[in-house]
Structures are given as structure tokens and as C-alpha cells.
């Protein structure tokens, strides 16, 4: 598991987080884990942005016929 160090966090913020943790019967560390875990999922817009970034990194295939490639793969499997 990884670790994260957050610097220059306002003391008042830390106290409020401690209070929230105490009210739930949790340690400050567990409360922070829960908060970060809840904030971590990517939104649909972020997923689209990530997909576009990955696609931009991939080489263009031009006139590649995916159907022909699938058929060729099936033929290779049947001939083994």
C-alpha cells in the first residue's frame, strides 16, 4: 500500500477532521482513508478524457480492416 504526505494543511482543518472521525468512532487516519477513497473514482467526463489521451498516444492504423484481422485470427486458430 502507498503512503501520501500532505503538507501545509491548516490546523483548523485537521481539528475538524479529527472531530468528524471521533463522532464516527474512527481514527483520523481511517477517516482520511475513507474520504480519499470516496473521492477517487473517475467521473464519466474524466474517463472520456483519459480515453482520448490514450487514443492520442496510439499510432494511427489508417485503412486497417479489423474484420479481416478477426477472420485471419479465427482461421489461424482453426488450422492449428
PDB file of N, CA and C in Angstrom:
ATOM      1  N   UNK A   1       0.838  -1.182   0.000  1.00  0.00           N
ATOM      2  CA  UNK A   1       0.000   0.000   0.000  1.00  0.00           C
ATOM      3  C   UNK A   1       0.876   1.236   0.000  1.00  0.00           C
ATOM      4  N   UNK A   2       0.400   2.264  -0.676  1.00  0.00           N
ATOM      5  CA  UNK A   2       1.142   3.503  -0.757  1.00  0.00           C
ATOM      6  C   UNK A   2       0.879   4.419   0.427  1.00  0.00           C
ATOM      7  N   UNK A   3       1.687   5.455   0.499  1.00  0.00           N
ATOM      8  CA  UNK A   3       1.533   6.469   1.526  1.00  0.00           C
ATOM      9  C   UNK A   3       1.544   7.832   0.871  1.00  0.00           C
ATOM     10  N   UNK A   4       0.841   8.785   1.490  1.00  0.00           N
ATOM     11  CA  UNK A   4       0.794  10.155   0.995  1.00  0.00           C
ATOM     12  C   UNK A   4       1.046  11.085   2.164  1.00  0.00           C
ATOM     13  N   UNK A   5       1.878  12.078   1.963  1.00  0.00           N
ATOM     14  CA  UNK A   5       2.134  13.091   2.974  1.00  0.00           C
ATOM     15  C   UNK A   5       1.544  14.397   2.460  1.00  0.00           C
ATOM     16  N   UNK A   6       0.660  15.002   3.234  1.00  0.00           N
ATOM     17  CA  UNK A   6       0.046  16.271   2.847  1.00  0.00           C
ATOM     18  C   UNK A   6       0.656  17.358   3.725  1.00  0.00           C
ATOM     19  N   UNK A   7       1.336  18.287   3.117  1.00  0.00           N
ATOM     20  CA  UNK A   7       1.992  19.366   3.862  1.00  0.00           C
ATOM     21  C   UNK A   7       1.112  20.610   3.885  1.00  0.00           C
ATOM     22  N   UNK A   8       1.382  21.459   4.848  1.00  0.00           N
ATOM     23  CA  UNK A   8       0.764  22.786   4.954  1.00  0.00           C
ATOM     24  C   UNK A   8      -0.752  22.736   5.030  1.00  0.00           C
ATOM     25  N   UNK A   9      -1.281  21.758   5.733  1.00  0.00           N
ATOM     26  CA  UNK A   9      -2.710  21.661   5.946  1.00  0.00           C
ATOM     27  C   UNK A   9      -3.066  22.509   7.157  1.00  0.00           C
ATOM     28  N   UNK A  10      -4.064  23.339   7.025  1.00  0.00           N
ATOM     29  CA  UNK A  10      -4.482  24.247   8.090  1.00  0.00           C
ATOM     30  C   UNK A  10      -4.840  23.455   9.349  1.00  0.00           C
ATOM     31  N   UNK A  11      -4.378  23.928  10.496  1.00  0.00           N
ATOM     32  CA  UNK A  11      -4.652  23.244  11.766  1.00  0.00           C
ATOM     33  C   UNK A  11      -6.140  23.114  12.030  1.00  0.00           C
ATOM     34  N   UNK A  12      -6.908  24.103  11.623  1.00  0.00           N
ATOM     35  CA  UNK A  12      -8.362  24.055  11.826  1.00  0.00           C
ATOM     36  C   UNK A  12      -8.989  22.908  11.024  1.00  0.00           C
ATOM     37  N   UNK A  13      -8.484  22.687   9.841  1.00  0.00           N
ATOM     38  CA  UNK A  13      -8.984  21.584   9.005  1.00  0.00           C
ATOM     39  C   UNK A  13      -8.686  20.250   9.687  1.00  0.00           C
ATOM     40  N   UNK A  14      -7.495  20.126  10.218  1.00  0.00           N
ATOM     41  CA  UNK A  14      -7.118  18.889  10.909  1.00  0.00           C
ATOM     42  C   UNK A  14      -8.026  18.658  12.113  1.00  0.00           C
ATOM     43  N   UNK A  15      -8.290  19.693  12.873  1.00  0.00           N
ATOM     44  CA  UNK A  15      -9.160  19.557  14.043  1.00  0.00           C
ATOM     45  C   UNK A  15     -10.574  19.153  13.649  1.00  0.00           C
ATOM     46  N   UNK A  16     -11.096  19.739  12.570  1.00  0.00           N
ATOM     47  CA  UNK A  16     -12.438  19.363  12.116  1.00  0.00           C
ATOM     48  C   UNK A  16     -12.473  17.914  11.659  1.00  0.00           C
ATOM     49  N   UNK A  17     -11.425  17.475  10.994  1.00  0.00           N
ATOM     50  CA  UNK A  17     -11.364  16.084  10.554  1.00  0.00           C
ATOM     51  C   UNK A  17     -11.259  15.135  11.751  1.00  0.00           C
ATOM     52  N   UNK A  18     -10.498  15.529  12.755  1.00  0.00           N
ATOM     53  CA  UNK A  18     -10.415  14.717  13.975  1.00  0.00           C
ATOM     54  C   UNK A  18     -11.784  14.603  14.634  1.00  0.00           C
ATOM     55  N   UNK A  19     -12.504  15.713  14.680  1.00  0.00           N
ATOM     56  CA  UNK A  19     -13.842  15.710  15.280  1.00  0.00           C
ATOM     57  C   UNK A  19     -14.776  14.789  14.509  1.00  0.00           C
ATOM     58  N   UNK A  20     -14.740  14.888  13.173  1.00  0.00           N
ATOM     59  CA  UNK A  20     -15.581  14.009  12.348  1.00  0.00           C
ATOM     60  C   UNK A  20     -15.243  12.541  12.610  1.00  0.00           C
ATOM     61  N   UNK A  21     -13.955  12.244  12.710  1.00  0.00           N
ATOM     62  CA  UNK A  21     -13.525  10.867  12.959  1.00  0.00           C
ATOM     63  C   UNK A  21     -14.015  10.392  14.321  1.00  0.00           C
ATOM     64  N   UNK A  22     -13.858  11.227  15.334  1.00  0.00           N
ATOM     65  CA  UNK A  22     -14.300  10.851  16.682  1.00  0.00           C
ATOM     66  C   UNK A  22     -15.803  10.587  16.712  1.00  0.00           C
ATOM     67  N   UNK A  23     -16.580  11.423  16.033  1.00  0.00           N
ATOM     68  CA  UNK A  23     -18.033  11.236  16.011  1.00  0.00           C
ATOM     69  C   UNK A  23     -18.432   9.905  15.372  1.00  0.00           C
ATOM     70  N   UNK A  24     -17.593   9.419  14.471  1.00  0.00           N
ATOM     71  CA  UNK A  24     -17.864   8.135  13.803  1.00  0.00           C
ATOM     72  C   UNK A  24     -17.184   6.976  14.522  1.00  0.00           C
ATOM     73  N   UNK A  25     -16.408   7.286  15.552  1.00  0.00           N
ATOM     74  CA  UNK A  25     -15.692   6.232  16.253  1.00  0.00           C
ATOM     75  C   UNK A  25     -14.493   5.718  15.477  1.00  0.00           C
ATOM     76  N   UNK A  26     -13.916   6.565  14.644  1.00  0.00           N
ATOM     77  CA  UNK A  26     -12.786   6.174  13.807  1.00  0.00           C
ATOM     78  C   UNK A  26     -11.541   6.961  14.194  1.00  0.00           C
ATOM     79  N   UNK A  27     -10.411   6.457  13.770  1.00  0.00           N
ATOM     80  CA  UNK A  27      -9.172   7.217  13.908  1.00  0.00           C
ATOM     81  C   UNK A  27      -9.136   8.270  12.807  1.00  0.00           C
ATOM     82  N   UNK A  28      -8.317   9.288  13.013  1.00  0.00           N
ATOM     83  CA  UNK A  28      -8.151  10.308  11.969  1.00  0.00           C
ATOM     84  C   UNK A  28      -7.642   9.651  10.687  1.00  0.00           C
ATOM     85  N   UNK A  29      -6.725   8.722  10.829  1.00  0.00           N
ATOM     86  CA  UNK A  29      -6.164   8.046   9.660  1.00  0.00           C
ATOM     87  C   UNK A  29      -7.243   7.311   8.868  1.00  0.00           C
ATOM     88  N   UNK A  30      -8.140   6.595   9.563  1.00  0.00           N
ATOM     89  CA  UNK A  30      -9.204   5.877   8.866  1.00  0.00           C
ATOM     90  C   UNK A  30     -10.186   6.841   8.223  1.00  0.00           C
ATOM     91  N   UNK A  31     -10.501   7.927   8.905  1.00  0.00           N
ATOM     92  CA  UNK A  31     -11.395   8.936   8.329  1.00  0.00           C
ATOM     93  C   UNK A  31     -10.809   9.504   7.042  1.00  0.00           C
ATOM     94  N   UNK A  32      -9.521   9.785   7.059  1.00  0.00           N
ATOM     95  CA  UNK A  32      -8.857  10.309   5.855  1.00  0.00           C
ATOM     96  C   UNK A  32      -8.846   9.263   4.741  1.00  0.00           C
ATOM     97  N   UNK A  33      -8.615   7.988   5.096  1.00  0.00           N
ATOM     98  CA  UNK A  33      -8.670   6.910   4.093  1.00  0.00           C
ATOM     99  C   UNK A  33     -10.044   6.865   3.436  1.00  0.00           C
ATOM    100  N   UNK A  34     -11.080   6.940   4.266  1.00  0.00           N
ATOM    101  CA  UNK A  34     -12.448   6.884   3.742  1.00  0.00           C
ATOM    102  C   UNK A  34     -12.753   8.065   2.830  1.00  0.00           C
ATOM    103  N   UNK A  35     -12.327   9.254   3.232  1.00  0.00           N
ATOM    104  CA  UNK A  35     -12.560  10.460   2.422  1.00  0.00           C
ATOM    105  C   UNK A  35     -11.851  10.343   1.079  1.00  0.00           C
ATOM    106  N   UNK A  36     -10.593   9.933   1.104  1.00  0.00           N
ATOM    107  CA  UNK A  36      -9.827   9.827  -0.144  1.00  0.00           C
ATOM    108  C   UNK A  36     -10.361   8.729  -1.054  1.00  0.00           C
ATOM    109  N   UNK A  37     -10.780   7.617  -0.463  1.00  0.00           N
ATOM    110  CA  UNK A  37     -11.350   6.528  -1.256  1.00  0.00           C
ATOM    111  C   UNK A  37     -12.635   6.977  -1.945  1.00  0.00           C
ATOM    112  N   UNK A  38     -13.471   7.718  -1.223  1.00  0.00           N
ATOM    113  CA  UNK A  38     -14.726   8.202  -1.801  1.00  0.00           C
ATOM    114  C   UNK A  38     -14.475   9.218  -2.905  1.00  0.00           C
ATOM    115  N   UNK A  39     -13.370   9.954  -2.825  1.00  0.00           N
ATOM    116  CA  UNK A  39     -13.068  10.986  -3.820  1.00  0.00           C
ATOM    117  C   UNK A  39     -12.320  10.439  -5.040  1.00  0.00           C
ATOM    118  N   UNK A  40     -11.889   9.190  -4.998  1.00  0.00           N
ATOM    119  CA  UNK A  40     -11.003   8.650  -6.027  1.00  0.00           C
ATOM    120  C   UNK A  40     -11.653   8.222  -7.345  1.00  0.00           C
ATOM    121  N   UNK A  41     -12.909   7.760  -7.388  1.00  0.00           N
ATOM    122  CA  UNK A  41     -13.438   7.282  -8.673  1.00  0.00           C
ATOM    123  C   UNK A  41     -13.440   8.380  -9.747  1.00  0.00           C
ATOM    124  N   UNK A  42     -13.183   7.962 -10.975  1.00  0.00           N
ATOM    125  CA  UNK A  42     -13.202   8.902 -12.096  1.00  0.00           C
ATOM    126  C   UNK A  42     -14.642   9.159 -12.530  1.00  0.00           C
ATOM    127  N   UNK A  43     -14.928  10.411 -12.843  1.00  0.00           N
ATOM    128  CA  UNK A  43     -16.249  10.763 -13.359  1.00  0.00           C
ATOM    129  C   UNK A  43     -16.332  10.313 -14.816  1.00  0.00           C
ATOM    130  N   UNK A  44     -17.550  10.256 -15.383  1.00  0.00           N
ATOM    131  CA  UNK A  44     -17.652   9.906 -16.802  1.00  0.00           C
ATOM    132  C   UNK A  44     -16.831  10.841 -17.695  1.00  0.00           C
ATOM    133  N   UNK A  45     -16.827  12.125 -17.397  1.00  0.00           N
ATOM    134  CA  UNK A  45     -16.049  13.069 -18.210  1.00  0.00           C
ATOM    135  C   UNK A  45     -14.550  12.790 -18.086  1.00  0.00           C
ATOM    136  N   UNK A  46     -14.089  12.434 -16.893  1.00  0.00           N
ATOM    137  CA  UNK A  46     -12.678  12.102 -16.706  1.00  0.00           C
ATOM    138  C   UNK A  46     -12.311  10.824 -17.447  1.00  0.00           C
ATOM    139  N   UNK A  47     -13.218   9.858 -17.469  1.00  0.00           N
ATOM    140  CA  UNK A  47     -12.970   8.615 -18.215  1.00  0.00           C
ATOM    141  C   UNK A  47     -12.848   8.888 -19.706  1.00  0.00           C
ATOM    142  N   UNK A  48     -13.705   9.763 -20.223  1.00  0.00           N
ATOM    143  CA  UNK A  48     -13.639  10.135 -21.640  1.00  0.00           C
ATOM    144  C   UNK A  48     -12.315  10.833 -21.927  1.00  0.00           C
ATOM    145  N   UNK A  49     -11.921  11.768 -21.056  1.00  0.00           N
ATOM    146  CA  UNK A  49     -10.664  12.487 -21.248  1.00  0.00           C
ATOM    147  C   UNK A  49      -9.478  11.529 -21.233  1.00  0.00           C
ATOM    148  N   UNK A  50      -9.487  10.562 -20.331  1.00  0.00           N
ATOM    149  CA  UNK A  50      -8.420   9.568 -20.265  1.00  0.00           C
ATOM    150  C   UNK A  50      -8.395   8.720 -21.532  1.00  0.00           C
ATOM    151  N   UNK A  51      -9.566   8.300 -22.000  1.00  0.00           N
ATOM    152  CA  UNK A  51      -9.656   7.516 -23.229  1.00  0.00           C
ATOM    153  C   UNK A  51      -9.086   8.291 -24.414  1.00  0.00           C
ATOM    154  N   UNK A  52      -9.424   9.561 -24.496  1.00  0.00           N
ATOM    155  CA  UNK A  52      -8.916  10.387 -25.603  1.00  0.00           C
ATOM    156  C   UNK A  52      -7.403  10.549 -25.522  1.00  0.00           C
ATOM    157  N   UNK A  53      -6.895  10.708 -24.304  1.00  0.00           N
ATOM    158  CA  UNK A  53      -5.454  10.856 -24.151  1.00  0.00           C
ATOM    159  C   UNK A  53      -4.740   9.576 -24.577  1.00  0.00           C
ATOM    160  N   UNK A  54      -5.278   8.416 -24.169  1.00  0.00           N
ATOM    161  CA  UNK A  54      -4.677   7.146 -24.565  1.00  0.00           C
ATOM    162  C   UNK A  54      -4.753   6.927 -26.069  1.00  0.00           C
ATOM    163  N   UNK A  55      -5.893   7.293 -26.654  1.00  0.00           N
ATOM    164  CA  UNK A  55      -6.040   7.139 -28.098  1.00  0.00           C
ATOM    165  C   UNK A  55      -5.042   8.014 -28.843  1.00  0.00           C
ATOM    166  N   UNK A  56      -4.787   9.221 -28.332  1.00  0.00           N
ATOM    167  CA  UNK A  56      -3.830  10.128 -28.968  1.00  0.00           C
ATOM    168  C   UNK A  56      -2.411   9.556 -28.918  1.00  0.00           C
ATOM    169  N   UNK A  57      -2.113   8.740 -27.930  1.00  0.00           N
ATOM    170  CA  UNK A  57      -0.785   8.125 -27.817  1.00  0.00           C
ATOM    171  C   UNK A  57      -0.610   6.923 -28.738  1.00  0.00           C
ATOM    172  N   UNK A  58      -1.712   6.356 -29.203  1.00  0.00           N
ATOM    173  CA  UNK A  58      -1.660   5.166 -30.050  1.00  0.00           C
ATOM    174  C   UNK A  58      -1.408   5.554 -31.499  1.00  0.00           C
ATOM    175  N   UNK A  59      -0.623   4.752 -32.195  1.00  0.00           N
ATOM    176  CA  UNK A  59      -0.387   5.051 -33.613  1.00  0.00           C
ATOM    177  C   UNK A  59      -1.669   4.869 -34.428  1.00  0.00           C
ATOM    178  N   UNK A  60      -1.819   5.691 -35.430  1.00  0.00           N
ATOM    179  CA  UNK A  60      -2.988   5.583 -36.298  1.00  0.00           C
ATOM    180  C   UNK A  60      -2.829   4.340 -37.167  1.00  0.00           C
ATOM    181  N   UNK A  61      -3.932   3.633 -37.396  1.00  0.00           N
ATOM    182  CA  UNK A  61      -3.855   2.397 -38.169  1.00  0.00           C
ATOM    183  C   UNK A  61      -4.288   2.585 -39.614  1.00  0.00           C
ATOM    184  N   UNK A  62      -4.795   3.745 -39.964  1.00  0.00           N
ATOM    185  CA  UNK A  62      -5.160   4.029 -41.343  1.00  0.00           C
ATOM    186  C   UNK A  62      -6.302   3.166 -41.832  1.00  0.00           C
ATOM    187  N   UNK A  63      -6.091   2.468 -42.946  1.00  0.00           N
ATOM    188  CA  UNK A  63      -7.144   1.669 -43.578  1.00  0.00           C
ATOM    189  C   UNK A  63      -7.145   0.229 -43.082  1.00  0.00           C
ATOM    190  N   UNK A  64      -6.842   0.018 -41.840  1.00  0.00           N
ATOM    191  CA  UNK A  64      -6.784  -1.321 -41.271  1.00  0.00           C
ATOM    192  C   UNK A  64      -8.178  -1.933 -41.263  1.00  0.00           C
ATOM    193  N   UNK A  65      -8.310  -3.144 -41.783  1.00  0.00           N
ATOM    194  CA  UNK A  65      -9.597  -3.841 -41.838  1.00  0.00           C
ATOM    195  C   UNK A  65      -9.697  -4.786 -40.648  1.00  0.00           C
ATOM    196  N   UNK A  66     -10.380  -4.345 -39.603  1.00  0.00           N
ATOM    197  CA  UNK A  66     -10.474  -5.136 -38.388  1.00  0.00           C
ATOM    198  C   UNK A  66     -11.200  -6.461 -38.635  1.00  0.00           C
ATOM    199  N   UNK A  67     -12.195  -6.428 -39.505  1.00  0.00           N
ATOM    200  CA  UNK A  67     -12.930  -7.657 -39.828  1.00  0.00           C
ATOM    201  C   UNK A  67     -12.020  -8.708 -40.433  1.00  0.00           C
ATOM    202  N   UNK A  68     -11.145  -8.285 -41.343  1.00  0.00           N
ATOM    203  CA  UNK A  68     -10.207  -9.218 -41.963  1.00  0.00           C
ATOM    204  C   UNK A  68      -9.230  -9.770 -40.932  1.00  0.00           C
ATOM    205  N   UNK A  69      -8.809  -8.925 -40.003  1.00  0.00           N
ATOM    206  CA  UNK A  69      -7.883  -9.382 -38.969  1.00  0.00           C
ATOM    207  C   UNK A  69      -8.543 -10.410 -38.064  1.00  0.00           C
ATOM    208  N   UNK A  70      -9.797 -10.187 -37.719  1.00  0.00           N
ATOM    209  CA  UNK A  70     -10.523 -11.151 -36.883  1.00  0.00           C
ATOM    210  C   UNK A  70     -10.680 -12.477 -37.631  1.00  0.00           C
ATOM    211  N   UNK A  71     -11.069 -12.395 -38.910  1.00  0.00           N
ATOM    212  CA  UNK A  71     -11.214 -13.625 -39.694  1.00  0.00           C
ATOM    213  C   UNK A  71      -9.890 -14.373 -39.805  1.00  0.00           C
ATOM    214  N   UNK A  72      -8.798 -13.636 -40.002  1.00  0.00           N
ATOM    215  CA  UNK A  72      -7.489 -14.274 -40.110  1.00  0.00           C
ATOM    216  C   UNK A  72      -7.114 -14.949 -38.790  1.00  0.00           C
ATOM    217  N   UNK A  73      -7.431 -14.304 -37.687  1.00  0.00           N
ATOM    218  CA  UNK A  73      -7.152 -14.901 -36.389  1.00  0.00           C
ATOM    219  C   UNK A  73      -7.946 -16.175 -36.173  1.00  0.00           C
ATOM    220  N   UNK A  74      -9.202 -16.147 -36.588  1.00  0.00           N
ATOM    221  CA  UNK A  74     -10.037 -17.354 -36.461  1.00  0.00           C
ATOM    222  C   UNK A  74      -9.512 -18.467 -37.339  1.00  0.00           C
ATOM    223  N   UNK A  75      -9.110 -18.114 -38.563  1.00  0.00           N
ATOM    224  CA  UNK A  75      -8.557 -19.117 -39.469  1.00  0.00           C
ATOM    225  C   UNK A  75      -7.296 -19.747 -38.889  1.00  0.00           C
ATOM    226  N   UNK A  76      -6.437 -18.903 -38.287  1.00  0.00           N
ATOM    227  CA  UNK A  76      -5.201 -19.424 -37.685  1.00  0.00           C
ATOM    228  C   UNK A  76      -5.507 -20.389 -36.552  1.00  0.00           C
ATOM    229  N   UNK A  77      -6.526 -20.072 -35.744  1.00  0.00           N
ATOM    230  CA  UNK A  77      -6.892 -20.952 -34.625  1.00  0.00           C
ATOM    231  C   UNK A  77      -7.433 -22.281 -35.140  1.00  0.00           C
ATOM    232  N   UNK A  78      -8.200 -22.233 -36.220  1.00  0.00           N
ATOM    233  CA  UNK A  78      -8.797 -23.464 -36.767  1.00  0.00           C
ATOM    234  C   UNK A  78      -7.779 -24.349 -37.460  1.00  0.00           C
ATOM    235  N   UNK A  79      -6.667 -23.769 -37.922  1.00  0.00           N
ATOM    236  CA  UNK A  79      -5.660 -24.542 -38.643  1.00  0.00           C
ATOM    237  C   UNK A  79      -4.608 -25.148 -37.716  1.00  0.00           C
ATOM    238  N   UNK A  80      -4.669 -24.841 -36.450  1.00  0.00           N
ATOM    239  CA  UNK A  80      -3.636 -25.367 -35.517  1.00  0.00           C
ATOM    240  C   UNK A  80      -3.909 -26.787 -35.133  1.00  0.00           C
TER     241      UNK A  80
END
